N, C-alpha and C. Protein backbone atom coordinates (compact mmCIF):
# COMPACT_ATOMS: atom_id res chain seq x y z
N UNK A 1 -3.33 47.12 7.59
CA UNK A 1 -4.35 46.14 7.97
C UNK A 1 -4.84 45.43 6.72
N UNK A 2 -4.94 44.12 6.79
CA UNK A 2 -5.38 43.33 5.64
C UNK A 2 -6.84 43.60 5.36
N UNK A 3 -7.17 43.65 4.09
CA UNK A 3 -8.54 43.89 3.66
C UNK A 3 -9.21 42.56 3.39
N UNK A 4 -10.35 42.32 4.01
CA UNK A 4 -11.09 41.07 3.81
C UNK A 4 -11.91 41.18 2.55
N UNK A 5 -11.73 40.25 1.67
CA UNK A 5 -12.48 40.26 0.40
C UNK A 5 -13.84 39.63 0.62
N UNK A 6 -14.74 39.83 -0.36
CA UNK A 6 -16.06 39.22 -0.30
C UNK A 6 -15.95 37.70 -0.34
N UNK A 7 -14.95 37.20 -1.12
CA UNK A 7 -14.76 35.76 -1.20
C UNK A 7 -14.37 35.19 0.15
N UNK A 8 -13.51 35.93 0.89
CA UNK A 8 -13.08 35.45 2.19
C UNK A 8 -14.23 35.40 3.18
N UNK A 9 -15.18 36.35 3.03
CA UNK A 9 -16.30 36.41 3.94
C UNK A 9 -17.37 35.37 3.62
N UNK A 10 -17.43 34.94 2.37
CA UNK A 10 -18.50 34.03 1.95
C UNK A 10 -18.29 32.65 2.55
N UNK A 11 -19.33 32.04 3.09
CA UNK A 11 -19.18 30.70 3.66
C UNK A 11 -18.94 29.68 2.56
N UNK A 12 -18.22 28.58 2.89
CA UNK A 12 -17.96 27.52 1.92
C UNK A 12 -19.26 26.84 1.55
N UNK A 13 -19.43 26.57 0.27
CA UNK A 13 -20.65 25.93 -0.21
C UNK A 13 -20.51 24.42 -0.19
N UNK A 14 -21.66 23.76 -0.05
CA UNK A 14 -21.67 22.31 -0.11
C UNK A 14 -21.23 21.69 1.22
N UNK A 15 -21.43 20.37 1.31
CA UNK A 15 -21.04 19.67 2.52
C UNK A 15 -19.53 19.45 2.56
N UNK A 16 -18.91 19.58 3.73
CA UNK A 16 -17.46 19.32 3.81
C UNK A 16 -17.16 17.86 3.53
N UNK A 17 -16.02 17.60 2.91
CA UNK A 17 -15.64 16.23 2.61
C UNK A 17 -15.31 15.46 3.89
N UNK A 18 -15.79 14.23 3.97
CA UNK A 18 -15.52 13.38 5.12
C UNK A 18 -14.13 12.78 4.96
N UNK A 19 -13.29 12.99 5.96
CA UNK A 19 -11.89 12.55 5.84
C UNK A 19 -11.79 11.05 5.63
N UNK A 20 -12.70 10.29 6.23
CA UNK A 20 -12.62 8.83 6.16
C UNK A 20 -13.40 8.24 4.99
N UNK A 21 -13.93 9.09 4.11
CA UNK A 21 -14.81 8.59 3.05
C UNK A 21 -14.11 7.57 2.15
N UNK A 22 -12.88 7.86 1.76
CA UNK A 22 -12.17 6.94 0.85
C UNK A 22 -11.99 5.57 1.50
N UNK A 23 -11.59 5.56 2.77
CA UNK A 23 -11.42 4.29 3.47
C UNK A 23 -12.75 3.55 3.59
N UNK A 24 -13.80 4.28 3.92
CA UNK A 24 -15.12 3.65 4.05
C UNK A 24 -15.58 3.05 2.72
N UNK A 25 -15.31 3.74 1.63
CA UNK A 25 -15.71 3.27 0.30
C UNK A 25 -14.95 2.00 -0.06
N UNK A 26 -13.64 1.99 0.17
CA UNK A 26 -12.84 0.81 -0.15
C UNK A 26 -13.25 -0.39 0.70
N UNK A 27 -13.51 -0.15 1.98
CA UNK A 27 -13.96 -1.23 2.86
C UNK A 27 -15.31 -1.77 2.39
N UNK A 28 -16.20 -0.87 2.01
CA UNK A 28 -17.53 -1.29 1.55
C UNK A 28 -17.41 -2.13 0.28
N UNK A 29 -16.50 -1.74 -0.62
CA UNK A 29 -16.31 -2.51 -1.85
C UNK A 29 -15.84 -3.93 -1.55
N UNK A 30 -14.90 -4.07 -0.63
CA UNK A 30 -14.40 -5.40 -0.27
C UNK A 30 -15.49 -6.24 0.39
N UNK A 31 -16.27 -5.64 1.26
CA UNK A 31 -17.36 -6.37 1.91
C UNK A 31 -18.37 -6.88 0.90
N UNK A 32 -18.74 -6.04 -0.05
CA UNK A 32 -19.74 -6.44 -1.04
C UNK A 32 -19.19 -7.49 -2.00
N UNK A 33 -17.91 -7.37 -2.34
CA UNK A 33 -17.28 -8.40 -3.17
C UNK A 33 -17.37 -9.76 -2.48
N UNK A 34 -17.07 -9.78 -1.19
CA UNK A 34 -17.08 -11.03 -0.44
C UNK A 34 -18.49 -11.58 -0.27
N UNK A 35 -19.46 -10.69 -0.07
CA UNK A 35 -20.82 -11.12 0.22
C UNK A 35 -21.63 -11.46 -1.03
N UNK A 36 -21.46 -10.66 -2.11
CA UNK A 36 -22.38 -10.77 -3.24
C UNK A 36 -21.70 -11.03 -4.58
N UNK A 37 -20.38 -10.85 -4.65
CA UNK A 37 -19.69 -11.05 -5.92
C UNK A 37 -19.48 -9.75 -6.67
N UNK A 38 -18.76 -9.83 -7.76
CA UNK A 38 -18.33 -8.64 -8.50
C UNK A 38 -19.49 -7.89 -9.11
N UNK A 39 -20.39 -8.58 -9.78
CA UNK A 39 -21.47 -7.91 -10.49
C UNK A 39 -22.40 -7.16 -9.54
N UNK A 40 -22.65 -7.73 -8.37
CA UNK A 40 -23.57 -7.09 -7.42
C UNK A 40 -22.92 -5.94 -6.67
N UNK A 41 -21.61 -5.86 -6.70
CA UNK A 41 -20.90 -4.76 -6.03
C UNK A 41 -20.90 -3.54 -6.95
N UNK A 42 -22.07 -2.96 -7.16
CA UNK A 42 -22.22 -1.80 -8.03
C UNK A 42 -21.81 -0.53 -7.30
N UNK A 43 -21.62 0.54 -8.07
CA UNK A 43 -21.31 1.84 -7.46
C UNK A 43 -22.42 2.24 -6.50
N UNK A 44 -23.67 2.01 -6.90
CA UNK A 44 -24.79 2.37 -6.03
C UNK A 44 -24.76 1.58 -4.73
N UNK A 45 -24.50 0.28 -4.82
CA UNK A 45 -24.46 -0.56 -3.62
C UNK A 45 -23.28 -0.17 -2.72
N UNK A 46 -22.14 0.11 -3.32
CA UNK A 46 -20.97 0.50 -2.54
C UNK A 46 -21.23 1.84 -1.84
N UNK A 47 -21.82 2.79 -2.56
CA UNK A 47 -22.13 4.09 -1.97
C UNK A 47 -23.08 3.94 -0.79
N UNK A 48 -24.10 3.11 -0.96
CA UNK A 48 -25.06 2.90 0.13
C UNK A 48 -24.39 2.26 1.33
N UNK A 49 -23.54 1.26 1.10
CA UNK A 49 -22.86 0.59 2.22
C UNK A 49 -21.91 1.55 2.94
N UNK A 50 -21.24 2.42 2.18
CA UNK A 50 -20.28 3.35 2.77
C UNK A 50 -20.94 4.59 3.37
N UNK A 51 -22.23 4.80 3.06
CA UNK A 51 -22.92 5.97 3.58
C UNK A 51 -22.53 7.26 2.89
N UNK A 52 -22.26 7.16 1.57
CA UNK A 52 -21.88 8.35 0.80
C UNK A 52 -22.74 8.41 -0.46
N UNK A 53 -22.67 9.51 -1.16
CA UNK A 53 -23.35 9.63 -2.43
C UNK A 53 -22.50 9.13 -3.58
N UNK A 54 -23.12 8.83 -4.70
CA UNK A 54 -22.38 8.36 -5.88
C UNK A 54 -21.33 9.37 -6.32
N UNK A 55 -21.67 10.66 -6.23
CA UNK A 55 -20.72 11.69 -6.68
C UNK A 55 -19.44 11.67 -5.84
N UNK A 56 -19.58 11.29 -4.57
CA UNK A 56 -18.39 11.18 -3.71
C UNK A 56 -17.44 10.13 -4.26
N UNK A 57 -18.00 9.04 -4.75
CA UNK A 57 -17.16 7.98 -5.34
C UNK A 57 -16.55 8.46 -6.64
N UNK A 58 -17.35 9.08 -7.51
CA UNK A 58 -16.85 9.47 -8.82
C UNK A 58 -15.85 10.63 -8.75
N UNK A 59 -15.83 11.34 -7.63
CA UNK A 59 -14.78 12.35 -7.47
C UNK A 59 -13.42 11.71 -7.22
N UNK A 60 -13.43 10.47 -6.77
CA UNK A 60 -12.19 9.78 -6.42
C UNK A 60 -11.80 8.71 -7.43
N UNK A 61 -12.75 8.06 -8.05
CA UNK A 61 -12.50 6.99 -9.02
C UNK A 61 -13.34 7.20 -10.26
N UNK A 62 -12.75 6.96 -11.40
CA UNK A 62 -13.46 7.20 -12.66
C UNK A 62 -14.38 6.05 -13.04
N UNK A 63 -14.19 4.88 -12.44
CA UNK A 63 -15.00 3.72 -12.82
C UNK A 63 -15.03 2.72 -11.67
N UNK A 64 -15.96 1.79 -11.75
CA UNK A 64 -16.02 0.71 -10.78
C UNK A 64 -14.77 -0.15 -10.85
N UNK A 65 -14.26 -0.42 -12.05
CA UNK A 65 -13.06 -1.25 -12.19
C UNK A 65 -11.89 -0.63 -11.43
N UNK A 66 -11.73 0.68 -11.55
CA UNK A 66 -10.63 1.36 -10.86
C UNK A 66 -10.83 1.29 -9.34
N UNK A 67 -12.06 1.48 -8.89
CA UNK A 67 -12.35 1.42 -7.46
C UNK A 67 -12.07 0.04 -6.89
N UNK A 68 -12.54 -1.01 -7.58
CA UNK A 68 -12.34 -2.38 -7.09
C UNK A 68 -10.85 -2.72 -7.07
N UNK A 69 -10.11 -2.31 -8.09
CA UNK A 69 -8.67 -2.58 -8.13
C UNK A 69 -7.97 -1.91 -6.94
N UNK A 70 -8.34 -0.68 -6.62
CA UNK A 70 -7.74 0.00 -5.48
C UNK A 70 -8.13 -0.68 -4.17
N UNK A 71 -9.37 -1.17 -4.09
CA UNK A 71 -9.80 -1.88 -2.88
C UNK A 71 -8.98 -3.15 -2.68
N UNK A 72 -8.73 -3.89 -3.75
CA UNK A 72 -7.93 -5.11 -3.66
C UNK A 72 -6.49 -4.79 -3.32
N UNK A 73 -5.99 -3.67 -3.83
CA UNK A 73 -4.62 -3.27 -3.53
C UNK A 73 -4.45 -3.00 -2.04
N UNK A 74 -5.56 -2.64 -1.36
CA UNK A 74 -5.52 -2.38 0.08
C UNK A 74 -5.15 -3.61 0.88
N UNK A 75 -5.45 -4.78 0.34
CA UNK A 75 -5.18 -6.03 1.05
C UNK A 75 -3.70 -6.38 1.08
N UNK A 76 -2.93 -5.74 0.20
CA UNK A 76 -1.53 -6.12 0.02
C UNK A 76 -0.63 -5.21 0.84
N UNK A 77 0.28 -5.81 1.57
CA UNK A 77 1.27 -5.04 2.31
C UNK A 77 2.42 -4.66 1.37
N UNK A 78 2.85 -3.42 1.46
CA UNK A 78 3.96 -2.96 0.62
C UNK A 78 5.27 -3.11 1.38
N UNK A 79 6.10 -4.01 0.89
CA UNK A 79 7.37 -4.30 1.54
C UNK A 79 8.46 -3.45 0.91
N UNK A 80 9.22 -2.77 1.74
CA UNK A 80 10.34 -1.97 1.24
C UNK A 80 11.50 -2.89 0.88
N UNK A 81 11.87 -2.86 -0.39
CA UNK A 81 12.95 -3.70 -0.87
C UNK A 81 14.17 -2.83 -1.14
N UNK A 82 15.17 -2.97 -0.32
CA UNK A 82 16.36 -2.12 -0.43
C UNK A 82 17.55 -2.93 -0.90
N UNK A 83 18.25 -2.39 -1.89
CA UNK A 83 19.48 -3.04 -2.32
C UNK A 83 20.48 -3.06 -1.17
N UNK A 84 21.19 -4.19 -1.06
CA UNK A 84 22.17 -4.33 0.01
C UNK A 84 21.62 -5.06 1.22
N UNK A 85 20.30 -5.12 1.36
CA UNK A 85 19.72 -5.91 2.45
C UNK A 85 19.95 -7.39 2.18
N UNK A 86 19.88 -8.20 3.22
CA UNK A 86 20.05 -9.65 3.07
C UNK A 86 18.93 -10.19 2.19
N UNK A 87 19.27 -10.73 1.04
CA UNK A 87 18.25 -11.13 0.07
C UNK A 87 17.41 -12.29 0.61
N UNK A 88 18.02 -13.19 1.37
CA UNK A 88 17.26 -14.31 1.94
C UNK A 88 16.18 -13.78 2.88
N UNK A 89 16.50 -12.81 3.72
CA UNK A 89 15.52 -12.23 4.64
C UNK A 89 14.41 -11.50 3.88
N UNK A 90 14.79 -10.80 2.82
CA UNK A 90 13.79 -10.10 2.01
C UNK A 90 12.80 -11.07 1.37
N UNK A 91 13.32 -12.16 0.82
CA UNK A 91 12.45 -13.14 0.17
C UNK A 91 11.55 -13.84 1.18
N UNK A 92 12.07 -14.08 2.37
CA UNK A 92 11.25 -14.69 3.40
C UNK A 92 10.10 -13.76 3.79
N UNK A 93 10.39 -12.48 3.92
CA UNK A 93 9.33 -11.51 4.24
C UNK A 93 8.31 -11.44 3.10
N UNK A 94 8.78 -11.54 1.88
CA UNK A 94 7.90 -11.51 0.71
C UNK A 94 6.93 -12.69 0.73
N UNK A 95 7.45 -13.90 0.98
CA UNK A 95 6.57 -15.08 1.02
C UNK A 95 5.59 -14.98 2.17
N UNK A 96 6.05 -14.51 3.32
CA UNK A 96 5.15 -14.37 4.46
C UNK A 96 3.99 -13.43 4.14
N UNK A 97 4.27 -12.39 3.36
CA UNK A 97 3.20 -11.47 2.99
C UNK A 97 2.17 -12.17 2.10
N UNK A 98 2.65 -12.96 1.13
CA UNK A 98 1.73 -13.71 0.27
C UNK A 98 0.90 -14.69 1.10
N UNK A 99 1.54 -15.36 2.04
CA UNK A 99 0.82 -16.31 2.89
C UNK A 99 -0.25 -15.59 3.68
N UNK A 100 0.09 -14.41 4.21
CA UNK A 100 -0.87 -13.64 4.98
C UNK A 100 -2.08 -13.24 4.12
N UNK A 101 -1.80 -12.73 2.93
CA UNK A 101 -2.89 -12.27 2.05
C UNK A 101 -3.76 -13.44 1.63
N UNK A 102 -3.12 -14.50 1.11
CA UNK A 102 -3.90 -15.62 0.59
C UNK A 102 -4.59 -16.41 1.70
N UNK A 103 -4.07 -16.31 2.93
CA UNK A 103 -4.68 -17.00 4.05
C UNK A 103 -5.77 -16.21 4.74
N UNK A 104 -5.96 -14.95 4.34
CA UNK A 104 -6.99 -14.11 4.94
C UNK A 104 -8.37 -14.63 4.51
N UNK A 105 -9.27 -14.94 5.48
CA UNK A 105 -10.60 -15.44 5.11
C UNK A 105 -11.35 -14.50 4.18
N UNK A 106 -11.17 -13.18 4.35
CA UNK A 106 -11.83 -12.22 3.47
C UNK A 106 -11.35 -12.40 2.04
N UNK A 107 -10.04 -12.57 1.86
CA UNK A 107 -9.50 -12.76 0.51
C UNK A 107 -10.04 -14.06 -0.10
N UNK A 108 -10.13 -15.10 0.72
CA UNK A 108 -10.65 -16.36 0.23
C UNK A 108 -12.07 -16.25 -0.28
N UNK A 109 -12.88 -15.39 0.34
CA UNK A 109 -14.25 -15.21 -0.11
C UNK A 109 -14.33 -14.32 -1.34
N UNK A 110 -13.35 -13.41 -1.48
CA UNK A 110 -13.34 -12.50 -2.62
C UNK A 110 -12.76 -13.17 -3.87
N UNK A 111 -11.81 -14.08 -3.68
CA UNK A 111 -11.03 -14.64 -4.77
C UNK A 111 -11.88 -15.19 -5.92
N UNK A 112 -12.92 -16.00 -5.69
CA UNK A 112 -13.69 -16.52 -6.83
C UNK A 112 -14.26 -15.42 -7.72
N UNK A 113 -14.77 -14.36 -7.10
CA UNK A 113 -15.33 -13.26 -7.89
C UNK A 113 -14.26 -12.56 -8.71
N UNK A 114 -13.09 -12.37 -8.11
CA UNK A 114 -12.00 -11.68 -8.81
C UNK A 114 -11.48 -12.52 -9.98
N UNK A 115 -11.27 -13.81 -9.75
CA UNK A 115 -10.75 -14.67 -10.82
C UNK A 115 -11.70 -14.70 -12.01
N UNK A 116 -13.00 -14.81 -11.74
CA UNK A 116 -13.96 -14.82 -12.83
C UNK A 116 -13.95 -13.52 -13.61
N UNK A 117 -13.86 -12.40 -12.91
CA UNK A 117 -13.89 -11.11 -13.58
C UNK A 117 -12.61 -10.84 -14.36
N UNK A 118 -11.49 -11.33 -13.87
CA UNK A 118 -10.24 -11.17 -14.61
C UNK A 118 -10.30 -11.84 -15.97
N UNK A 119 -11.02 -12.95 -16.06
CA UNK A 119 -11.16 -13.66 -17.33
C UNK A 119 -12.18 -12.99 -18.25
N UNK A 120 -13.22 -12.42 -17.66
CA UNK A 120 -14.34 -11.91 -18.47
C UNK A 120 -14.25 -10.42 -18.76
N UNK A 121 -13.44 -9.68 -18.03
CA UNK A 121 -13.43 -8.23 -18.13
C UNK A 121 -12.01 -7.72 -18.39
N UNK A 122 -11.63 -7.53 -19.65
CA UNK A 122 -10.25 -7.09 -19.97
C UNK A 122 -9.90 -5.75 -19.33
N UNK A 123 -10.87 -4.85 -19.23
CA UNK A 123 -10.58 -3.53 -18.66
C UNK A 123 -10.20 -3.67 -17.18
N UNK A 124 -10.94 -4.51 -16.46
CA UNK A 124 -10.61 -4.72 -15.05
C UNK A 124 -9.29 -5.47 -14.92
N UNK A 125 -9.04 -6.43 -15.82
CA UNK A 125 -7.78 -7.18 -15.77
C UNK A 125 -6.59 -6.24 -15.93
N UNK A 126 -6.70 -5.27 -16.85
CA UNK A 126 -5.61 -4.30 -17.04
C UNK A 126 -5.44 -3.44 -15.80
N UNK A 127 -6.55 -2.99 -15.24
CA UNK A 127 -6.48 -2.14 -14.05
C UNK A 127 -5.87 -2.90 -12.88
N UNK A 128 -6.27 -4.15 -12.71
CA UNK A 128 -5.75 -4.98 -11.63
C UNK A 128 -4.24 -5.20 -11.80
N UNK A 129 -3.83 -5.47 -13.03
CA UNK A 129 -2.40 -5.68 -13.29
C UNK A 129 -1.60 -4.41 -13.00
N UNK A 130 -2.12 -3.27 -13.42
CA UNK A 130 -1.38 -2.01 -13.26
C UNK A 130 -1.27 -1.58 -11.81
N UNK A 131 -2.33 -1.80 -11.03
CA UNK A 131 -2.37 -1.26 -9.68
C UNK A 131 -1.97 -2.25 -8.60
N UNK A 132 -2.16 -3.54 -8.84
CA UNK A 132 -1.93 -4.53 -7.80
C UNK A 132 -0.73 -5.42 -8.11
N UNK A 133 -0.68 -5.97 -9.31
CA UNK A 133 0.30 -7.01 -9.62
C UNK A 133 1.64 -6.43 -10.08
N UNK A 134 1.61 -5.60 -11.12
CA UNK A 134 2.86 -5.20 -11.78
C UNK A 134 3.82 -4.42 -10.88
N UNK A 135 3.36 -3.45 -10.07
CA UNK A 135 4.33 -2.71 -9.25
C UNK A 135 5.12 -3.61 -8.31
N UNK A 136 4.45 -4.55 -7.65
CA UNK A 136 5.14 -5.44 -6.72
C UNK A 136 6.04 -6.42 -7.47
N UNK A 137 5.53 -6.94 -8.58
CA UNK A 137 6.31 -7.91 -9.35
C UNK A 137 7.59 -7.27 -9.89
N UNK A 138 7.47 -6.07 -10.45
CA UNK A 138 8.64 -5.41 -11.02
C UNK A 138 9.64 -5.02 -9.93
N UNK A 139 9.13 -4.64 -8.75
CA UNK A 139 10.04 -4.31 -7.65
C UNK A 139 10.83 -5.55 -7.21
N UNK A 140 10.13 -6.69 -7.13
CA UNK A 140 10.80 -7.93 -6.73
C UNK A 140 11.81 -8.37 -7.77
N UNK A 141 11.43 -8.34 -9.03
CA UNK A 141 12.34 -8.75 -10.10
C UNK A 141 13.58 -7.85 -10.11
N UNK A 142 13.39 -6.56 -9.87
CA UNK A 142 14.52 -5.65 -9.84
C UNK A 142 15.50 -5.99 -8.72
N UNK A 143 14.97 -6.29 -7.53
CA UNK A 143 15.84 -6.67 -6.42
C UNK A 143 16.57 -7.97 -6.71
N UNK A 144 15.86 -8.94 -7.28
CA UNK A 144 16.49 -10.22 -7.62
C UNK A 144 17.60 -10.03 -8.66
N UNK A 145 17.32 -9.21 -9.65
CA UNK A 145 18.32 -8.99 -10.70
C UNK A 145 19.59 -8.36 -10.13
N UNK A 146 19.40 -7.38 -9.26
CA UNK A 146 20.58 -6.74 -8.67
C UNK A 146 21.30 -7.67 -7.69
N UNK A 147 20.54 -8.57 -7.06
CA UNK A 147 21.19 -9.56 -6.18
C UNK A 147 22.05 -10.52 -6.98
N UNK A 148 21.58 -10.89 -8.18
CA UNK A 148 22.39 -11.74 -9.06
C UNK A 148 23.68 -11.01 -9.45
N UNK A 149 23.54 -9.74 -9.84
CA UNK A 149 24.71 -8.96 -10.26
C UNK A 149 25.71 -8.79 -9.12
N UNK A 150 25.20 -8.75 -7.87
CA UNK A 150 26.08 -8.58 -6.71
C UNK A 150 26.67 -9.90 -6.22
N UNK A 151 26.25 -11.01 -6.83
CA UNK A 151 26.76 -12.30 -6.41
C UNK A 151 26.02 -12.91 -5.24
N UNK A 152 24.88 -12.32 -4.85
CA UNK A 152 24.11 -12.86 -3.73
C UNK A 152 23.20 -14.01 -4.16
N UNK A 153 23.03 -14.18 -5.47
CA UNK A 153 22.30 -15.32 -6.03
C UNK A 153 23.13 -15.91 -7.16
N UNK A 154 22.76 -17.09 -7.60
CA UNK A 154 23.50 -17.73 -8.69
C UNK A 154 23.50 -16.86 -9.93
N UNK A 155 24.61 -16.87 -10.65
CA UNK A 155 24.76 -16.04 -11.84
C UNK A 155 23.76 -16.41 -12.93
N UNK A 156 23.37 -17.70 -12.99
CA UNK A 156 22.46 -18.13 -14.05
C UNK A 156 21.01 -18.21 -13.56
N UNK A 157 20.71 -17.59 -12.42
CA UNK A 157 19.35 -17.63 -11.87
C UNK A 157 18.39 -16.87 -12.78
N UNK A 158 17.23 -17.45 -13.04
CA UNK A 158 16.18 -16.81 -13.84
C UNK A 158 15.30 -16.02 -12.87
N UNK A 159 15.48 -14.69 -12.84
CA UNK A 159 14.82 -13.89 -11.81
C UNK A 159 13.30 -13.87 -11.97
N UNK A 160 12.80 -13.90 -13.18
CA UNK A 160 11.35 -13.90 -13.38
C UNK A 160 10.75 -15.23 -12.92
N UNK A 161 11.45 -16.32 -13.17
CA UNK A 161 10.97 -17.61 -12.70
C UNK A 161 10.99 -17.68 -11.18
N UNK A 162 12.01 -17.11 -10.57
CA UNK A 162 12.07 -17.07 -9.11
C UNK A 162 10.89 -16.29 -8.55
N UNK A 163 10.58 -15.14 -9.16
CA UNK A 163 9.45 -14.34 -8.70
C UNK A 163 8.15 -15.13 -8.78
N UNK A 164 7.98 -15.91 -9.85
CA UNK A 164 6.79 -16.75 -9.97
C UNK A 164 6.73 -17.80 -8.86
N UNK A 165 7.89 -18.41 -8.58
CA UNK A 165 7.93 -19.47 -7.57
C UNK A 165 7.63 -18.94 -6.16
N UNK A 166 7.95 -17.69 -5.92
CA UNK A 166 7.71 -17.13 -4.59
C UNK A 166 6.22 -16.88 -4.34
N UNK A 167 5.46 -16.61 -5.39
CA UNK A 167 4.05 -16.25 -5.23
C UNK A 167 3.09 -17.41 -5.49
N UNK A 168 3.44 -18.27 -6.43
CA UNK A 168 2.47 -19.28 -6.88
C UNK A 168 2.08 -20.31 -5.82
N UNK A 169 3.01 -20.90 -5.07
CA UNK A 169 2.61 -21.95 -4.12
C UNK A 169 1.57 -21.51 -3.09
N UNK A 170 1.71 -20.34 -2.44
CA UNK A 170 0.66 -19.94 -1.49
C UNK A 170 -0.69 -19.75 -2.18
N UNK A 171 -0.67 -19.25 -3.41
CA UNK A 171 -1.91 -19.05 -4.16
C UNK A 171 -2.58 -20.39 -4.47
N UNK A 172 -1.79 -21.36 -4.88
CA UNK A 172 -2.34 -22.68 -5.21
C UNK A 172 -2.95 -23.33 -3.96
N UNK A 173 -2.32 -23.12 -2.81
CA UNK A 173 -2.87 -23.70 -1.58
C UNK A 173 -4.26 -23.17 -1.28
N UNK A 174 -4.52 -21.91 -1.62
CA UNK A 174 -5.84 -21.34 -1.40
C UNK A 174 -6.88 -22.05 -2.26
N UNK A 175 -6.51 -22.42 -3.49
CA UNK A 175 -7.44 -23.04 -4.42
C UNK A 175 -7.72 -24.50 -4.09
N UNK A 176 -6.82 -25.13 -3.37
CA UNK A 176 -6.97 -26.57 -3.07
C UNK A 176 -7.76 -26.73 -1.78
N UNK A 177 -9.07 -26.61 -1.92
CA UNK A 177 -9.97 -26.66 -0.77
C UNK A 177 -9.90 -28.04 -0.12
N UNK A 178 -9.89 -28.06 1.20
CA UNK A 178 -9.88 -29.32 1.92
C UNK A 178 -8.51 -29.73 2.43
N UNK A 179 -7.46 -29.06 1.96
CA UNK A 179 -6.12 -29.38 2.46
C UNK A 179 -5.94 -28.82 3.87
N UNK A 180 -5.03 -29.38 4.64
CA UNK A 180 -4.75 -28.81 5.96
C UNK A 180 -4.33 -27.35 5.83
N UNK A 181 -4.60 -26.53 6.83
CA UNK A 181 -4.20 -25.12 6.75
C UNK A 181 -2.68 -24.99 6.68
N UNK A 182 -2.24 -23.89 6.13
CA UNK A 182 -0.81 -23.63 6.01
C UNK A 182 -0.20 -23.52 7.41
N UNK A 183 0.89 -24.24 7.63
CA UNK A 183 1.54 -24.25 8.93
C UNK A 183 2.35 -23.00 9.20
N UNK A 184 2.81 -22.88 10.44
CA UNK A 184 3.55 -21.68 10.85
C UNK A 184 4.88 -21.54 10.12
N UNK A 185 5.49 -22.67 9.73
CA UNK A 185 6.80 -22.62 9.07
C UNK A 185 6.68 -22.79 7.56
N UNK A 186 5.51 -22.57 7.01
CA UNK A 186 5.33 -22.77 5.57
C UNK A 186 6.27 -21.86 4.77
N UNK A 187 6.33 -20.59 5.15
CA UNK A 187 7.18 -19.65 4.40
C UNK A 187 8.65 -20.06 4.46
N UNK A 188 9.12 -20.44 5.65
CA UNK A 188 10.52 -20.85 5.79
C UNK A 188 10.81 -22.10 4.98
N UNK A 189 9.91 -23.08 5.04
CA UNK A 189 10.14 -24.33 4.31
C UNK A 189 10.09 -24.12 2.80
N UNK A 190 9.16 -23.28 2.34
CA UNK A 190 9.07 -23.00 0.91
C UNK A 190 10.32 -22.30 0.41
N UNK A 191 10.79 -21.30 1.15
CA UNK A 191 11.99 -20.58 0.72
C UNK A 191 13.20 -21.50 0.74
N UNK A 192 13.28 -22.40 1.71
CA UNK A 192 14.41 -23.33 1.76
C UNK A 192 14.45 -24.20 0.51
N UNK A 193 13.28 -24.64 0.06
CA UNK A 193 13.22 -25.46 -1.16
C UNK A 193 13.69 -24.66 -2.37
N UNK A 194 13.22 -23.41 -2.48
CA UNK A 194 13.61 -22.56 -3.62
C UNK A 194 15.07 -22.15 -3.51
N UNK A 195 15.52 -21.88 -2.29
CA UNK A 195 16.87 -21.35 -2.08
C UNK A 195 17.94 -22.32 -2.55
N UNK A 196 17.67 -23.62 -2.44
CA UNK A 196 18.66 -24.61 -2.88
C UNK A 196 19.02 -24.45 -4.35
N UNK A 197 18.07 -23.96 -5.14
CA UNK A 197 18.35 -23.81 -6.56
C UNK A 197 18.87 -22.45 -6.97
N UNK A 198 18.83 -21.46 -6.08
CA UNK A 198 19.21 -20.12 -6.48
C UNK A 198 20.37 -19.56 -5.66
N UNK A 199 20.78 -20.22 -4.57
CA UNK A 199 21.87 -19.72 -3.74
C UNK A 199 23.17 -19.74 -4.54
N UNK A 200 24.05 -18.76 -4.28
CA UNK A 200 25.33 -18.74 -5.01
C UNK A 200 26.19 -19.93 -4.64
N UNK A 201 27.08 -20.25 -5.54
CA UNK A 201 28.01 -21.35 -5.28
C UNK A 201 28.91 -20.99 -4.10
N UNK A 202 29.24 -21.97 -3.25
CA UNK A 202 30.13 -21.68 -2.09
C UNK A 202 31.45 -21.13 -2.58
């Protein structure tokens, strides 16, 4: 018969962790960014909005910059990029994701605060690059490079320039206030324009 130790009999101390706390915290951070801007989205304000204590946040994130970067990363869909898949279809899905993110009204309200902080806060800029930008960019560049090697794209295609072209136009449309909204075929039309310069020779 197993012997029950004193430790096994002792009740767990402290409040149990709320399973949804991390999600609630990230959602609260995004809401405050949109409503009040980066500076006003303090750890205290985020904790109050999420209904948690500050220690709950600091057990998960070491700083506000790290928390905000993770919250912004939540807005991005992670597309599985597999070698051997049709590269045209992959790029179309990639552009559609950018259009979705940049066309989200929440992102549009957050964007001014993020752009300003990226310029003024090097620590946040590094965190944002490491957690949001670089992983997706490097994954895309890797797929493009292997597509070139496989002959699915032109041999002289500049893969880093292609990656820039896939992301920049939807982003610029967000900044040009007053333009008509992005149409349903924007992603297809944009890729068609880019594809003419990168498709392999017949």
